[in-house]
């Protein structure tokens, strides 16, 4: 199935393609790209394999590659799937819905002619 993602009705263009893991029906996106499109800043701690997102409204989200546990303002939250860092494109890919919603965005999906359209609004 094809996948098209837009943020605030603007098409998402990235060098790392979002994808859907069909076994869990989870859409993955590059963390840096989606966070910055939502107006947030991202930092990467390579030794810990941890991504930290700092939002404009003071929300801090910490995600670790391979762990379903996320910390949102130091409160433990369980994600449905783990962030991953595939060899290619060597970027952290995260579950789109979880990250978007903890950052205060809403997600709407529709399927048109075999293409999944995902619109994120914040």
PDB file of N, CA and C in Angstrom:
ATOM      1  N   UNK A   1       0.848  -1.191   0.000  1.00  0.00           N
ATOM      2  CA  UNK A   1       0.000   0.000   0.000  1.00  0.00           C
ATOM      3  C   UNK A   1       0.883   1.239   0.000  1.00  0.00           C
ATOM      4  N   UNK A   2       0.538   2.180  -0.820  1.00  0.00           N
ATOM      5  CA  UNK A   2       1.244   3.466  -0.859  1.00  0.00           C
ATOM      6  C   UNK A   2       0.879   4.262   0.393  1.00  0.00           C
ATOM      7  N   UNK A   3       1.756   5.194   0.764  1.00  0.00           N
ATOM      8  CA  UNK A   3       1.561   5.995   1.965  1.00  0.00           C
ATOM      9  C   UNK A   3       1.906   7.440   1.650  1.00  0.00           C
ATOM     10  N   UNK A   4       0.983   8.359   1.959  1.00  0.00           N
ATOM     11  CA  UNK A   4       1.236   9.790   1.798  1.00  0.00           C
ATOM     12  C   UNK A   4       0.911  10.465   3.123  1.00  0.00           C
ATOM     13  N   UNK A   5       1.844  11.295   3.592  1.00  0.00           N
ATOM     14  CA  UNK A   5       1.665  11.975   4.876  1.00  0.00           C
ATOM     15  C   UNK A   5       1.729  13.477   4.657  1.00  0.00           C
ATOM     16  N   UNK A   6       0.829  14.195   5.314  1.00  0.00           N
ATOM     17  CA  UNK A   6       0.877  15.653   5.277  1.00  0.00           C
ATOM     18  C   UNK A   6       0.789  16.173   6.708  1.00  0.00           C
ATOM     19  N   UNK A   7       1.416  17.325   6.937  1.00  0.00           N
ATOM     20  CA  UNK A   7       1.391  17.990   8.236  1.00  0.00           C
ATOM     21  C   UNK A   7       0.743  19.346   8.023  1.00  0.00           C
ATOM     22  N   UNK A   8      -0.361  19.594   8.738  1.00  0.00           N
ATOM     23  CA  UNK A   8      -1.124  20.829   8.574  1.00  0.00           C
ATOM     24  C   UNK A   8      -1.428  21.089   7.092  1.00  0.00           C
ATOM     25  N   UNK A   9      -1.858  20.005   6.417  1.00  0.00           N
ATOM     26  CA  UNK A   9      -2.255  20.027   5.001  1.00  0.00           C
ATOM     27  C   UNK A   9      -1.116  20.312   4.027  1.00  0.00           C
ATOM     28  N   UNK A  10       0.147  20.207   4.476  1.00  0.00           N
ATOM     29  CA  UNK A  10       1.290  20.388   3.595  1.00  0.00           C
ATOM     30  C   UNK A  10       1.986  19.033   3.429  1.00  0.00           C
ATOM     31  N   UNK A  11       2.180  18.597   2.190  1.00  0.00           N
ATOM     32  CA  UNK A  11       2.745  17.274   1.923  1.00  0.00           C
ATOM     33  C   UNK A  11       4.118  17.112   2.557  1.00  0.00           C
ATOM     34  N   UNK A  12       4.343  15.956   3.131  1.00  0.00           N
ATOM     35  CA  UNK A  12       5.606  15.614   3.790  1.00  0.00           C
ATOM     36  C   UNK A  12       6.592  15.143   2.737  1.00  0.00           C
ATOM     37  N   UNK A  13       7.750  15.763   2.675  1.00  0.00           N
ATOM     38  CA  UNK A  13       8.812  15.337   1.773  1.00  0.00           C
ATOM     39  C   UNK A  13      10.048  15.104   2.623  1.00  0.00           C
ATOM     40  N   UNK A  14      10.612  13.899   2.527  1.00  0.00           N
ATOM     41  CA  UNK A  14      11.754  13.547   3.351  1.00  0.00           C
ATOM     42  C   UNK A  14      12.667  12.615   2.576  1.00  0.00           C
ATOM     43  N   UNK A  15      13.934  12.542   2.982  1.00  0.00           N
ATOM     44  CA  UNK A  15      14.866  11.633   2.328  1.00  0.00           C
ATOM     45  C   UNK A  15      14.710  10.203   2.859  1.00  0.00           C
ATOM     46  N   UNK A  16      13.972  10.029   3.937  1.00  0.00           N
ATOM     47  CA  UNK A  16      13.697   8.701   4.497  1.00  0.00           C
ATOM     48  C   UNK A  16      12.201   8.470   4.419  1.00  0.00           C
ATOM     49  N   UNK A  17      11.812   7.491   3.651  1.00  0.00           N
ATOM     50  CA  UNK A  17      10.390   7.283   3.425  1.00  0.00           C
ATOM     51  C   UNK A  17       9.687   6.705   4.645  1.00  0.00           C
ATOM     52  N   UNK A  18       8.569   7.301   5.024  1.00  0.00           N
ATOM     53  CA  UNK A  18       7.725   6.694   6.052  1.00  0.00           C
ATOM     54  C   UNK A  18       7.260   5.336   5.528  1.00  0.00           C
ATOM     55  N   UNK A  19       6.974   4.426   6.419  1.00  0.00           N
ATOM     56  CA  UNK A  19       6.488   3.114   6.006  1.00  0.00           C
ATOM     57  C   UNK A  19       5.530   2.577   7.049  1.00  0.00           C
ATOM     58  N   UNK A  20       4.725   1.609   6.650  1.00  0.00           N
ATOM     59  CA  UNK A  20       3.793   0.971   7.567  1.00  0.00           C
ATOM     60  C   UNK A  20       4.231  -0.463   7.788  1.00  0.00           C
ATOM     61  N   UNK A  21       4.398  -0.836   9.045  1.00  0.00           N
ATOM     62  CA  UNK A  21       4.689  -2.221   9.397  1.00  0.00           C
ATOM     63  C   UNK A  21       3.345  -2.933   9.420  1.00  0.00           C
ATOM     64  N   UNK A  22       3.116  -3.783   8.442  1.00  0.00           N
ATOM     65  CA  UNK A  22       1.792  -4.364   8.269  1.00  0.00           C
ATOM     66  C   UNK A  22       1.379  -5.306   9.391  1.00  0.00           C
ATOM     67  N   UNK A  23       2.326  -5.999  10.028  1.00  0.00           N
ATOM     68  CA  UNK A  23       1.952  -6.947  11.087  1.00  0.00           C
ATOM     69  C   UNK A  23       1.313  -6.255  12.282  1.00  0.00           C
ATOM     70  N   UNK A  24       1.691  -4.996  12.527  1.00  0.00           N
ATOM     71  CA  UNK A  24       1.123  -4.260  13.664  1.00  0.00           C
ATOM     72  C   UNK A  24       0.316  -3.045  13.210  1.00  0.00           C
ATOM     73  N   UNK A  25       0.261  -2.814  11.879  1.00  0.00           N
ATOM     74  CA  UNK A  25      -0.451  -1.664  11.326  1.00  0.00           C
ATOM     75  C   UNK A  25       0.058  -0.352  11.928  1.00  0.00           C
ATOM     76  N   UNK A  26       1.394  -0.254  12.080  1.00  0.00           N
ATOM     77  CA  UNK A  26       2.023   0.927  12.658  1.00  0.00           C
ATOM     78  C   UNK A  26       2.790   1.680  11.582  1.00  0.00           C
ATOM     79  N   UNK A  27       2.516   2.970  11.460  1.00  0.00           N
ATOM     80  CA  UNK A  27       3.234   3.808  10.510  1.00  0.00           C
ATOM     81  C   UNK A  27       4.442   4.414  11.210  1.00  0.00           C
ATOM     82  N   UNK A  28       5.604   4.261  10.589  1.00  0.00           N
ATOM     83  CA  UNK A  28       6.860   4.798  11.125  1.00  0.00           C
ATOM     84  C   UNK A  28       7.315   5.985  10.291  1.00  0.00           C
ATOM     85  N   UNK A  29       7.841   7.004  10.973  1.00  0.00           N
ATOM     86  CA  UNK A  29       8.367   8.197  10.308  1.00  0.00           C
ATOM     87  C   UNK A  29       9.714   8.551  10.940  1.00  0.00           C
ATOM     88  N   UNK A  30      10.558   9.311  10.222  1.00  0.00           N
ATOM     89  CA  UNK A  30      11.813   9.768  10.814  1.00  0.00           C
ATOM     90  C   UNK A  30      11.510  10.770  11.936  1.00  0.00           C
ATOM     91  N   UNK A  31      12.031  10.519  13.127  1.00  0.00           N
ATOM     92  CA  UNK A  31      11.713  11.342  14.297  1.00  0.00           C
ATOM     93  C   UNK A  31      12.092  12.806  14.109  1.00  0.00           C
ATOM     94  N   UNK A  32      13.278  13.054  13.613  1.00  0.00           N
ATOM     95  CA  UNK A  32      13.714  14.441  13.483  1.00  0.00           C
ATOM     96  C   UNK A  32      12.807  15.201  12.518  1.00  0.00           C
ATOM     97  N   UNK A  33      12.514  14.582  11.412  1.00  0.00           N
ATOM     98  CA  UNK A  33      11.715  15.250  10.398  1.00  0.00           C
ATOM     99  C   UNK A  33      10.308  15.569  10.894  1.00  0.00           C
ATOM    100  N   UNK A  34       9.625  14.583  11.484  1.00  0.00           N
ATOM    101  CA  UNK A  34       8.243  14.817  11.914  1.00  0.00           C
ATOM    102  C   UNK A  34       8.190  15.794  13.090  1.00  0.00           C
ATOM    103  N   UNK A  35       9.128  15.671  14.036  1.00  0.00           N
ATOM    104  CA  UNK A  35       9.135  16.582  15.191  1.00  0.00           C
ATOM    105  C   UNK A  35       9.363  18.017  14.760  1.00  0.00           C
ATOM    106  N   UNK A  36      10.333  18.212  13.875  1.00  0.00           N
ATOM    107  CA  UNK A  36      10.604  19.574  13.419  1.00  0.00           C
ATOM    108  C   UNK A  36       9.435  20.140  12.611  1.00  0.00           C
ATOM    109  N   UNK A  37       8.737  19.293  11.847  1.00  0.00           N
ATOM    110  CA  UNK A  37       7.566  19.753  11.101  1.00  0.00           C
ATOM    111  C   UNK A  37       6.447  20.175  12.051  1.00  0.00           C
ATOM    112  N   UNK A  38       6.421  19.579  13.239  1.00  0.00           N
ATOM    113  CA  UNK A  38       5.419  19.966  14.241  1.00  0.00           C
ATOM    114  C   UNK A  38       5.910  21.136  15.102  1.00  0.00           C
ATOM    115  N   UNK A  39       7.095  21.670  14.781  1.00  0.00           N
ATOM    116  CA  UNK A  39       7.613  22.846  15.468  1.00  0.00           C
ATOM    117  C   UNK A  39       8.415  22.552  16.723  1.00  0.00           C
ATOM    118  N   UNK A  40       8.882  21.332  16.882  1.00  0.00           N
ATOM    119  CA  UNK A  40       9.615  20.939  18.084  1.00  0.00           C
ATOM    120  C   UNK A  40      11.093  20.727  17.762  1.00  0.00           C
ATOM    121  N   UNK A  41      11.936  20.709  18.808  1.00  0.00           N
ATOM    122  CA  UNK A  41      13.363  20.458  18.594  1.00  0.00           C
ATOM    123  C   UNK A  41      13.702  19.038  19.034  1.00  0.00           C
ATOM    124  N   UNK A  42      14.732  18.471  18.408  1.00  0.00           N
ATOM    125  CA  UNK A  42      15.104  17.080  18.648  1.00  0.00           C
ATOM    126  C   UNK A  42      16.600  16.995  18.896  1.00  0.00           C
ATOM    127  N   UNK A  43      16.980  16.150  19.867  1.00  0.00           N
ATOM    128  CA  UNK A  43      18.400  15.873  20.075  1.00  0.00           C
ATOM    129  C   UNK A  43      18.601  14.363  20.155  1.00  0.00           C
ATOM    130  N   UNK A  44      19.815  13.913  19.838  1.00  0.00           N
ATOM    131  CA  UNK A  44      20.146  12.495  19.763  1.00  0.00           C
ATOM    132  C   UNK A  44      21.318  12.200  20.685  1.00  0.00           C
ATOM    133  N   UNK A  45      21.152  11.205  21.554  1.00  0.00           N
ATOM    134  CA  UNK A  45      22.220  10.744  22.438  1.00  0.00           C
ATOM    135  C   UNK A  45      22.648   9.367  21.932  1.00  0.00           C
ATOM    136  N   UNK A  46      23.721   9.330  21.134  1.00  0.00           N
ATOM    137  CA  UNK A  46      24.150   8.086  20.509  1.00  0.00           C
ATOM    138  C   UNK A  46      24.495   6.993  21.529  1.00  0.00           C
ATOM    139  N   UNK A  47      25.295   7.287  22.592  1.00  0.00           N
ATOM    140  CA  UNK A  47      25.625   6.202  23.535  1.00  0.00           C
ATOM    141  C   UNK A  47      24.387   5.552  24.168  1.00  0.00           C
ATOM    142  N   UNK A  48      23.372   6.341  24.469  1.00  0.00           N
ATOM    143  CA  UNK A  48      22.142   5.803  25.078  1.00  0.00           C
ATOM    144  C   UNK A  48      21.127   5.347  24.037  1.00  0.00           C
ATOM    145  N   UNK A  49      21.373   5.672  22.734  1.00  0.00           N
ATOM    146  CA  UNK A  49      20.411   5.388  21.665  1.00  0.00           C
ATOM    147  C   UNK A  49      19.062   6.029  21.999  1.00  0.00           C
ATOM    148  N   UNK A  50      19.129   7.275  22.496  1.00  0.00           N
ATOM    149  CA  UNK A  50      17.938   7.966  22.989  1.00  0.00           C
ATOM    150  C   UNK A  50      17.708   9.278  22.243  1.00  0.00           C
ATOM    151  N   UNK A  51      16.448   9.500  21.871  1.00  0.00           N
ATOM    152  CA  UNK A  51      16.022  10.737  21.221  1.00  0.00           C
ATOM    153  C   UNK A  51      15.235  11.542  22.248  1.00  0.00           C
ATOM    154  N   UNK A  52      15.507  12.844  22.308  1.00  0.00           N
ATOM    155  CA  UNK A  52      14.740  13.734  23.190  1.00  0.00           C
ATOM    156  C   UNK A  52      14.083  14.800  22.336  1.00  0.00           C
ATOM    157  N   UNK A  53      12.775  14.942  22.512  1.00  0.00           N
ATOM    158  CA  UNK A  53      12.006  15.962  21.805  1.00  0.00           C
ATOM    159  C   UNK A  53      11.599  17.006  22.840  1.00  0.00           C
ATOM    160  N   UNK A  54      11.887  18.257  22.552  1.00  0.00           N
ATOM    161  CA  UNK A  54      11.469  19.351  23.433  1.00  0.00           C
ATOM    162  C   UNK A  54      10.484  20.207  22.655  1.00  0.00           C
ATOM    163  N   UNK A  55       9.258  20.298  23.200  1.00  0.00           N
ATOM    164  CA  UNK A  55       8.227  21.063  22.498  1.00  0.00           C
ATOM    165  C   UNK A  55       8.168  22.489  23.003  1.00  0.00           C
ATOM    166  N   UNK A  56       7.525  23.316  22.201  1.00  0.00           N
ATOM    167  CA  UNK A  56       7.352  24.727  22.569  1.00  0.00           C
ATOM    168  C   UNK A  56       6.512  24.890  23.822  1.00  0.00           C
ATOM    169  N   UNK A  57       5.630  23.909  24.104  1.00  0.00           N
ATOM    170  CA  UNK A  57       4.772  24.023  25.287  1.00  0.00           C
ATOM    171  C   UNK A  57       5.379  23.313  26.496  1.00  0.00           C
ATOM    172  N   UNK A  58       6.710  23.094  26.474  1.00  0.00           N
ATOM    173  CA  UNK A  58       7.478  22.518  27.589  1.00  0.00           C
ATOM    174  C   UNK A  58       7.310  21.014  27.781  1.00  0.00           C
ATOM    175  N   UNK A  59       6.710  20.322  26.833  1.00  0.00           N
ATOM    176  CA  UNK A  59       6.643  18.869  26.916  1.00  0.00           C
ATOM    177  C   UNK A  59       7.994  18.311  26.497  1.00  0.00           C
ATOM    178  N   UNK A  60       8.516  17.376  27.281  1.00  0.00           N
ATOM    179  CA  UNK A  60       9.771  16.699  26.940  1.00  0.00           C
ATOM    180  C   UNK A  60       9.472  15.217  26.788  1.00  0.00           C
ATOM    181  N   UNK A  61       9.820  14.686  25.624  1.00  0.00           N
ATOM    182  CA  UNK A  61       9.566  13.283  25.315  1.00  0.00           C
ATOM    183  C   UNK A  61      10.911  12.606  25.071  1.00  0.00           C
ATOM    184  N   UNK A  62      11.154  11.489  25.781  1.00  0.00           N
ATOM    185  CA  UNK A  62      12.384  10.718  25.575  1.00  0.00           C
ATOM    186  C   UNK A  62      12.014   9.320  25.081  1.00  0.00           C
ATOM    187  N   UNK A  63      12.636   8.926  23.968  1.00  0.00           N
ATOM    188  CA  UNK A  63      12.393   7.623  23.361  1.00  0.00           C
ATOM    189  C   UNK A  63      13.735   6.924  23.171  1.00  0.00           C
ATOM    190  N   UNK A  64      13.753   5.616  23.419  1.00  0.00           N
ATOM    191  CA  UNK A  64      14.972   4.835  23.241  1.00  0.00           C
ATOM    192  C   UNK A  64      14.746   3.793  22.160  1.00  0.00           C
ATOM    193  N   UNK A  65      15.692   3.695  21.236  1.00  0.00           N
ATOM    194  CA  UNK A  65      15.608   2.697  20.173  1.00  0.00           C
ATOM    195  C   UNK A  65      15.478   1.312  20.805  1.00  0.00           C
ATOM    196  N   UNK A  66      14.480   0.550  20.348  1.00  0.00           N
ATOM    197  CA  UNK A  66      14.278  -0.814  20.833  1.00  0.00           C
ATOM    198  C   UNK A  66      13.458  -0.942  22.101  1.00  0.00           C
ATOM    199  N   UNK A  67      12.988   0.171  22.675  1.00  0.00           N
ATOM    200  CA  UNK A  67      12.209   0.122  23.917  1.00  0.00           C
ATOM    201  C   UNK A  67      10.805   0.670  23.695  1.00  0.00           C
ATOM    202  N   UNK A  68       9.794  -0.042  24.214  1.00  0.00           N
ATOM    203  CA  UNK A  68       8.409   0.443  24.135  1.00  0.00           C
ATOM    204  C   UNK A  68       8.112   1.487  25.201  1.00  0.00           C
ATOM    205  N   UNK A  69       9.047   1.700  26.126  1.00  0.00           N
ATOM    206  CA  UNK A  69       8.835   2.674  27.197  1.00  0.00           C
ATOM    207  C   UNK A  69       9.274   4.058  26.721  1.00  0.00           C
ATOM    208  N   UNK A  70       8.365   5.003  26.795  1.00  0.00           N
ATOM    209  CA  UNK A  70       8.668   6.400  26.490  1.00  0.00           C
ATOM    210  C   UNK A  70       8.472   7.195  27.774  1.00  0.00           C
ATOM    211  N   UNK A  71       9.180   8.283  27.885  1.00  0.00           N
ATOM    212  CA  UNK A  71       9.001   9.164  29.032  1.00  0.00           C
ATOM    213  C   UNK A  71       8.490  10.502  28.527  1.00  0.00           C
ATOM    214  N   UNK A  72       7.315  10.889  29.007  1.00  0.00           N
ATOM    215  CA  UNK A  72       6.703  12.161  28.642  1.00  0.00           C
ATOM    216  C   UNK A  72       6.677  12.984  29.915  1.00  0.00           C
ATOM    217  N   UNK A  73       7.519  14.028  29.952  1.00  0.00           N
ATOM    218  CA  UNK A  73       7.704  14.816  31.183  1.00  0.00           C
ATOM    219  C   UNK A  73       8.014  13.898  32.359  1.00  0.00           C
ATOM    220  N   UNK A  74       8.918  12.951  32.136  1.00  0.00           N
ATOM    221  CA  UNK A  74       9.394  11.967  33.120  1.00  0.00           C
ATOM    222  C   UNK A  74       8.326  10.979  33.583  1.00  0.00           C
ATOM    223  N   UNK A  75       7.164  10.998  32.963  1.00  0.00           N
ATOM    224  CA  UNK A  75       6.123  10.009  33.267  1.00  0.00           C
ATOM    225  C   UNK A  75       6.223   8.874  32.255  1.00  0.00           C
ATOM    226  N   UNK A  76       6.298   7.654  32.761  1.00  0.00           N
ATOM    227  CA  UNK A  76       6.453   6.492  31.899  1.00  0.00           C
ATOM    228  C   UNK A  76       5.172   6.208  31.122  1.00  0.00           C
ATOM    229  N   UNK A  77       5.312   6.053  29.803  1.00  0.00           N
ATOM    230  CA  UNK A  77       4.184   5.708  28.926  1.00  0.00           C
ATOM    231  C   UNK A  77       4.613   4.526  28.066  1.00  0.00           C
ATOM    232  N   UNK A  78       3.677   3.624  27.808  1.00  0.00           N
ATOM    233  CA  UNK A  78       3.973   2.491  26.945  1.00  0.00           C
ATOM    234  C   UNK A  78       3.524   2.800  25.523  1.00  0.00           C
ATOM    235  N   UNK A  79       4.439   2.571  24.584  1.00  0.00           N
ATOM    236  CA  UNK A  79       4.113   2.741  23.170  1.00  0.00           C
ATOM    237  C   UNK A  79       3.661   1.391  22.621  1.00  0.00           C
ATOM    238  N   UNK A  80       2.861   1.399  21.572  1.00  0.00           N
ATOM    239  CA  UNK A  80       2.438   0.133  20.983  1.00  0.00           C
ATOM    240  C   UNK A  80       3.587  -0.590  20.274  1.00  0.00           C
ATOM    241  N   UNK A  81       4.590   0.175  19.811  1.00  0.00           N
ATOM    242  CA  UNK A  81       5.741  -0.376  19.112  1.00  0.00           C
ATOM    243  C   UNK A  81       6.992   0.400  19.486  1.00  0.00           C
ATOM    244  N   UNK A  82       8.149  -0.206  19.250  1.00  0.00           N
ATOM    245  CA  UNK A  82       9.403   0.445  19.611  1.00  0.00           C
ATOM    246  C   UNK A  82       9.932   1.328  18.479  1.00  0.00           C
ATOM    247  N   UNK A  83      10.654   2.384  18.825  1.00  0.00           N
ATOM    248  CA  UNK A  83      11.396   3.120  17.804  1.00  0.00           C
ATOM    249  C   UNK A  83      12.481   2.185  17.254  1.00  0.00           C
ATOM    250  N   UNK A  84      12.808   2.350  15.986  1.00  0.00           N
ATOM    251  CA  UNK A  84      13.832   1.515  15.358  1.00  0.00           C
ATOM    252  C   UNK A  84      14.837   2.406  14.635  1.00  0.00           C
ATOM    253  N   UNK A  85      16.012   1.845  14.403  1.00  0.00           N
ATOM    254  CA  UNK A  85      17.031   2.564  13.641  1.00  0.00           C
ATOM    255  C   UNK A  85      17.621   1.602  12.622  1.00  0.00           C
ATOM    256  N   UNK A  86      16.941   1.475  11.475  1.00  0.00           N
ATOM    257  CA  UNK A  86      17.434   0.563  10.448  1.00  0.00           C
ATOM    258  C   UNK A  86      18.789   1.018   9.904  1.00  0.00           C
ATOM    259  N   UNK A  87      19.560   0.059   9.408  1.00  0.00           N
ATOM    260  CA  UNK A  87      20.871   0.386   8.843  1.00  0.00           C
ATOM    261  C   UNK A  87      20.742   1.424   7.734  1.00  0.00           C
ATOM    262  N   UNK A  88      19.698   1.268   6.932  1.00  0.00           N
ATOM    263  CA  UNK A  88      19.385   2.308   5.946  1.00  0.00           C
ATOM    264  C   UNK A  88      17.985   2.789   6.244  1.00  0.00           C
ATOM    265  N   UNK A  89      17.756   4.016   6.527  1.00  0.00           N
ATOM    266  CA  UNK A  89      18.553   5.193   6.227  1.00  0.00           C
ATOM    267  C   UNK A  89      19.395   5.685   7.401  1.00  0.00           C
ATOM    268  N   UNK A  90      19.605   4.851   8.417  1.00  0.00           N
ATOM    269  CA  UNK A  90      20.401   5.220   9.592  1.00  0.00           C
ATOM    270  C   UNK A  90      19.817   6.447  10.304  1.00  0.00           C
ATOM    271  N   UNK A  91      18.503   6.453  10.417  1.00  0.00           N
ATOM    272  CA  UNK A  91      17.779   7.480  11.162  1.00  0.00           C
ATOM    273  C   UNK A  91      16.793   6.784  12.082  1.00  0.00           C
ATOM    274  N   UNK A  92      16.496   7.412  13.209  1.00  0.00           N
ATOM    275  CA  UNK A  92      15.530   6.831  14.135  1.00  0.00           C
ATOM    276  C   UNK A  92      14.134   7.006  13.544  1.00  0.00           C
ATOM    277  N   UNK A  93      13.430   5.890  13.422  1.00  0.00           N
ATOM    278  CA  UNK A  93      12.064   5.870  12.909  1.00  0.00           C
ATOM    279  C   UNK A  93      11.152   5.554  14.094  1.00  0.00           C
ATOM    280  N   UNK A  94      10.069   6.313  14.239  1.00  0.00           N
ATOM    281  CA  UNK A  94       9.193   6.168  15.402  1.00  0.00           C
ATOM    282  C   UNK A  94       7.746   5.958  14.988  1.00  0.00           C
ATOM    283  N   UNK A  95       6.947   5.345  15.900  1.00  0.00           N
ATOM    284  CA  UNK A  95       5.511   5.200  15.622  1.00  0.00           C
ATOM    285  C   UNK A  95       4.871   6.587  15.512  1.00  0.00           C
ATOM    286  N   UNK A  96       4.328   6.887  14.349  1.00  0.00           N
ATOM    287  CA  UNK A  96       3.787   8.213  14.044  1.00  0.00           C
ATOM    288  C   UNK A  96       2.691   8.655  14.996  1.00  0.00           C
ATOM    289  N   UNK A  97       1.688   7.811  15.207  1.00  0.00           N
ATOM    290  CA  UNK A  97       0.536   8.216  16.013  1.00  0.00           C
ATOM    291  C   UNK A  97       0.953   8.565  17.446  1.00  0.00           C
ATOM    292  N   UNK A  98       1.751   7.716  18.076  1.00  0.00           N
ATOM    293  CA  UNK A  98       2.140   7.966  19.465  1.00  0.00           C
ATOM    294  C   UNK A  98       2.869   9.300  19.591  1.00  0.00           C
ATOM    295  N   UNK A  99       3.899   9.493  18.787  1.00  0.00           N
ATOM    296  CA  UNK A  99       4.704  10.714  18.898  1.00  0.00           C
ATOM    297  C   UNK A  99       3.862  11.945  18.590  1.00  0.00           C
ATOM    298  N   UNK A 100       3.072  11.897  17.540  1.00  0.00           N
ATOM    299  CA  UNK A 100       2.249  13.055  17.180  1.00  0.00           C
ATOM    300  C   UNK A 100       1.273  13.416  18.289  1.00  0.00           C
ATOM    301  N   UNK A 101       0.617  12.401  18.844  1.00  0.00           N
ATOM    302  CA  UNK A 101      -0.392  12.680  19.877  1.00  0.00           C
ATOM    303  C   UNK A 101       0.218  13.188  21.173  1.00  0.00           C
ATOM    304  N   UNK A 102       1.379  12.682  21.600  1.00  0.00           N
ATOM    305  CA  UNK A 102       1.973  13.214  22.834  1.00  0.00           C
ATOM    306  C   UNK A 102       2.475  14.637  22.636  1.00  0.00           C
ATOM    307  N   UNK A 103       2.675  15.041  21.374  1.00  0.00           N
ATOM    308  CA  UNK A 103       3.068  16.413  21.083  1.00  0.00           C
ATOM    309  C   UNK A 103       1.862  17.310  20.828  1.00  0.00           C
ATOM    310  N   UNK A 104       0.658  16.775  21.032  1.00  0.00           N
ATOM    311  CA  UNK A 104      -0.550  17.585  20.941  1.00  0.00           C
ATOM    312  C   UNK A 104      -1.170  17.671  19.562  1.00  0.00           C
ATOM    313  N   UNK A 105      -0.772  16.799  18.647  1.00  0.00           N
ATOM    314  CA  UNK A 105      -1.336  16.804  17.294  1.00  0.00           C
ATOM    315  C   UNK A 105      -2.440  15.759  17.186  1.00  0.00           C
ATOM    316  N   UNK A 106      -3.269  15.912  16.168  1.00  0.00           N
ATOM    317  CA  UNK A 106      -4.289  14.906  15.877  1.00  0.00           C
ATOM    318  C   UNK A 106      -3.973  14.300  14.518  1.00  0.00           C
ATOM    319  N   UNK A 107      -4.384  13.049  14.345  1.00  0.00           N
ATOM    320  CA  UNK A 107      -4.114  12.333  13.105  1.00  0.00           C
ATOM    321  C   UNK A 107      -5.417  11.849  12.505  1.00  0.00           C
ATOM    322  N   UNK A 108      -5.575  12.102  11.214  1.00  0.00           N
ATOM    323  CA  UNK A 108      -6.727  11.590  10.467  1.00  0.00           C
ATOM    324  C   UNK A 108      -6.192  10.759   9.315  1.00  0.00           C
ATOM    325  N   UNK A 109      -6.789   9.584   9.106  1.00  0.00           N
ATOM    326  CA  UNK A 109      -6.352   8.728   8.008  1.00  0.00           C
ATOM    327  C   UNK A 109      -7.530   8.376   7.109  1.00  0.00           C
ATOM    328  N   UNK A 110      -7.244   8.288   5.816  1.00  0.00           N
ATOM    329  CA  UNK A 110      -8.219   7.812   4.833  1.00  0.00           C
ATOM    330  C   UNK A 110      -7.462   6.995   3.798  1.00  0.00           C
ATOM    331  N   UNK A 111      -8.131   6.016   3.232  1.00  0.00           N
ATOM    332  CA  UNK A 111      -7.541   5.235   2.150  1.00  0.00           C
ATOM    333  C   UNK A 111      -8.293   5.556   0.869  1.00  0.00           C
ATOM    334  N   UNK A 112      -7.539   5.997  -0.136  1.00  0.00           N
ATOM    335  CA  UNK A 112      -8.125   6.357  -1.425  1.00  0.00           C
ATOM    336  C   UNK A 112      -7.349   5.617  -2.509  1.00  0.00           C
ATOM    337  N   UNK A 113      -8.063   4.788  -3.268  1.00  0.00           N
ATOM    338  CA  UNK A 113      -7.453   4.038  -4.372  1.00  0.00           C
ATOM    339  C   UNK A 113      -6.183   3.294  -3.941  1.00  0.00           C
ATOM    340  N   UNK A 114      -6.215   2.650  -2.786  1.00  0.00           N
ATOM    341  CA  UNK A 114      -5.085   1.851  -2.329  1.00  0.00           C
ATOM    342  C   UNK A 114      -3.948   2.642  -1.700  1.00  0.00           C
ATOM    343  N   UNK A 115      -4.113   3.952  -1.535  1.00  0.00           N
ATOM    344  CA  UNK A 115      -3.087   4.778  -0.904  1.00  0.00           C
ATOM    345  C   UNK A 115      -3.603   5.261   0.441  1.00  0.00           C
ATOM    346  N   UNK A 116      -2.808   5.059   1.487  1.00  0.00           N
ATOM    347  CA  UNK A 116      -3.166   5.534   2.824  1.00  0.00           C
ATOM    348  C   UNK A 116      -2.721   6.991   2.917  1.00  0.00           C
ATOM    349  N   UNK A 117      -3.675   7.891   3.172  1.00  0.00           N
ATOM    350  CA  UNK A 117      -3.395   9.314   3.350  1.00  0.00           C
ATOM    351  C   UNK A 117      -3.491   9.616   4.844  1.00  0.00           C
ATOM    352  N   UNK A 118      -2.395  10.167   5.391  1.00  0.00           N
ATOM    353  CA  UNK A 118      -2.347  10.506   6.811  1.00  0.00           C
ATOM    354  C   UNK A 118      -2.172  12.015   6.898  1.00  0.00           C
ATOM    355  N   UNK A 119      -3.075  12.704   7.606  1.00  0.00           N
ATOM    356  CA  UNK A 119      -2.959  14.140   7.811  1.00  0.00           C
ATOM    357  C   UNK A 119      -2.796  14.414   9.291  1.00  0.00           C
ATOM    358  N   UNK A 120      -1.731  15.114   9.629  1.00  0.00           N
ATOM    359  CA  UNK A 120      -1.422  15.453  11.018  1.00  0.00           C
ATOM    360  C   UNK A 120      -1.694  16.940  11.194  1.00  0.00           C
ATOM    361  N   UNK A 121      -2.461  17.293  12.224  1.00  0.00           N
ATOM    362  CA  UNK A 121      -2.769  18.705  12.465  1.00  0.00           C
ATOM    363  C   UNK A 121      -2.362  19.077  13.879  1.00  0.00           C
ATOM    364  N   UNK A 122      -1.724  20.243  13.956  1.00  0.00           N
ATOM    365  CA  UNK A 122      -1.339  20.754  15.270  1.00  0.00           C
ATOM    366  C   UNK A 122      -1.543  22.249  15.283  1.00  0.00           C
TER     367      UNK A 122
END
